[in-house]
Amino acid sequence: MRARLILIVVLIIRLSSPEMAQSASNQNFDAKKAFEWLVGHCPNGNCGDDIIATAFATLALRDSGALDHADLGLNFIKSREDTSQHCWPAGGCKIKETAFAMWVLDEYGEDTTE
């Protein structure tokens, strides 16, 4: 499932260029269906309690202009922080998850100095 989510996110990001949008439309790709799938698999900004998938989805949604959906992802990521150690996820900090969470926070202009 994670691989499928990442593929959809990459496709949404790539569709932001006019050349890719034209190429995708020639291959019967439906960006609206992809968007709906992504939002449906990340209800309330939570992509299966997966920080990495949520990070990709959050940034893809933000870049596509779906700010309300993206903000839900940002809030979910913030809620999973271990505030005593400033890492992710709370209760079992991992380097990879922390890096992806920090990437999202940085992209949103959040203070990441801690």
Protein backbone atom coordinates (compact mmCIF):
# COMPACT_ATOMS: atom_id res chain seq x y z
CA MET A 1 0.00 0.00 0.00
CA ARG A 2 2.86 2.40 0.83
CA ALA A 3 4.37 1.89 -2.64
CA ARG A 4 1.02 2.67 -4.26
CA LEU A 5 0.61 5.82 -2.18
CA ILE A 6 4.09 7.01 -3.06
CA LEU A 7 3.41 6.37 -6.75
CA ILE A 8 0.23 8.45 -6.61
CA VAL A 9 2.01 11.27 -4.79
CA VAL A 10 4.82 11.29 -7.34
CA LEU A 11 2.31 11.38 -10.18
CA ILE A 12 0.46 14.31 -8.63
CA ILE A 13 3.70 16.24 -8.18
CA ARG A 14 4.85 15.47 -11.70
CA LEU A 15 1.53 16.64 -13.13
CA SER A 16 2.35 20.16 -12.02
CA SER A 17 4.40 20.62 -15.22
CA PRO A 18 2.40 21.31 -18.40
CA GLU A 19 4.38 18.76 -20.42
CA MET A 20 3.64 15.98 -17.95
CA ALA A 21 -0.02 16.94 -17.72
CA GLN A 22 -0.38 16.68 -21.49
CA SER A 23 1.46 13.34 -21.54
CA ALA A 24 -0.63 11.97 -18.68
CA SER A 25 -3.89 13.02 -20.29
CA ASN A 26 -2.89 11.10 -23.39
CA GLN A 27 -2.57 7.98 -21.24
CA ASN A 28 -6.05 8.30 -19.69
CA PHE A 29 -4.68 9.39 -16.31
CA ASP A 30 -7.36 11.07 -14.22
CA ALA A 31 -5.79 13.53 -11.79
CA LYS A 32 -9.13 14.05 -10.04
CA LYS A 33 -9.42 10.34 -9.29
CA ALA A 34 -5.83 10.29 -8.06
CA PHE A 35 -6.54 13.24 -5.79
CA GLU A 36 -9.70 11.61 -4.45
CA TRP A 37 -7.82 8.36 -3.84
CA LEU A 38 -5.09 10.19 -1.93
CA VAL A 39 -7.56 12.12 0.22
CA GLY A 40 -9.58 8.95 0.82
CA HIS A 41 -6.53 7.04 2.00
CA CYS A 42 -5.40 9.83 4.31
CA PRO A 43 -8.53 10.78 6.25
CA ASN A 44 -7.95 13.65 8.65
CA GLY A 45 -4.39 13.92 7.34
CA ASN A 46 -3.46 10.49 8.67
CA CYS A 47 -2.11 8.08 6.06
CA GLY A 48 -2.41 4.89 8.08
CA ASP A 49 -0.49 6.33 11.04
CA ASP A 50 2.55 6.41 8.72
CA ILE A 51 4.71 9.53 9.10
CA ILE A 52 6.54 9.01 5.80
CA ALA A 53 3.42 8.44 3.68
CA THR A 54 1.73 11.35 5.43
CA ALA A 55 4.72 13.59 4.68
CA PHE A 56 4.58 12.81 0.95
CA ALA A 57 0.82 13.20 0.84
CA THR A 58 0.88 16.46 2.80
CA LEU A 59 3.39 18.09 0.48
CA ALA A 60 1.69 16.78 -2.65
CA LEU A 61 -1.65 18.09 -1.47
CA ARG A 62 -0.15 21.43 -0.53
CA ASP A 63 1.58 21.75 -3.89
CA SER A 64 -1.64 20.89 -5.68
CA GLY A 65 -3.44 23.71 -3.87
CA ALA A 66 -5.52 21.50 -1.54
CA LEU A 67 -4.45 23.47 1.51
CA ASP A 68 -7.22 22.30 3.85
CA HIS A 69 -6.26 18.67 3.27
CA ALA A 70 -2.55 19.45 3.49
CA ASP A 71 -3.00 21.30 6.78
CA LEU A 72 -4.64 18.19 8.24
CA GLY A 73 -1.48 16.26 7.36
CA LEU A 74 0.73 18.92 8.91
CA ASN A 75 -1.34 18.84 12.10
CA PHE A 76 -1.16 15.04 12.22
CA ILE A 77 2.63 15.11 11.87
CA LYS A 78 2.91 17.74 14.60
CA SER A 79 0.70 15.64 16.88
CA ARG A 80 3.03 12.66 16.55
CA GLU A 81 6.13 14.52 17.79
CA ASP A 82 7.91 13.28 20.89
CA THR A 83 8.12 16.75 22.45
CA SER A 84 10.69 15.74 25.06
CA GLN A 85 13.19 14.62 22.40
CA HIS A 86 11.87 16.53 19.35
CA CYS A 87 11.68 13.45 17.17
CA TRP A 88 9.08 11.24 15.49
CA PRO A 89 7.03 9.24 16.21
CA ALA A 90 6.35 9.81 19.90
CA GLY A 91 7.31 6.87 22.04
CA GLY A 92 9.65 5.30 19.49
CA CYS A 93 11.71 7.91 17.70
CA LYS A 94 13.19 6.84 14.37
CA ILE A 95 15.68 8.67 12.19
CA LYS A 96 13.80 8.22 8.92
CA GLU A 97 10.43 9.32 10.30
CA THR A 98 12.05 12.29 12.02
CA ALA A 99 13.73 13.35 8.78
CA PHE A 100 10.46 13.25 6.85
CA ALA A 101 8.59 15.12 9.59
CA MET A 102 11.30 17.77 9.67
CA TRP A 103 11.13 18.06 5.87
CA VAL A 104 7.41 18.85 6.05
CA LEU A 105 7.86 21.32 8.90
CA ASP A 106 10.67 23.04 7.03
CA GLU A 107 8.57 23.27 3.85
CA TYR A 108 5.85 24.95 5.89
CA GLY A 109 8.33 27.43 7.36
CA GLU A 110 7.99 26.00 10.87
CA ASP A 111 10.79 26.53 13.38
CA THR A 112 12.87 23.34 13.44
CA THR A 113 15.82 24.54 15.51
CA GLU A 114 14.98 22.29 18.45
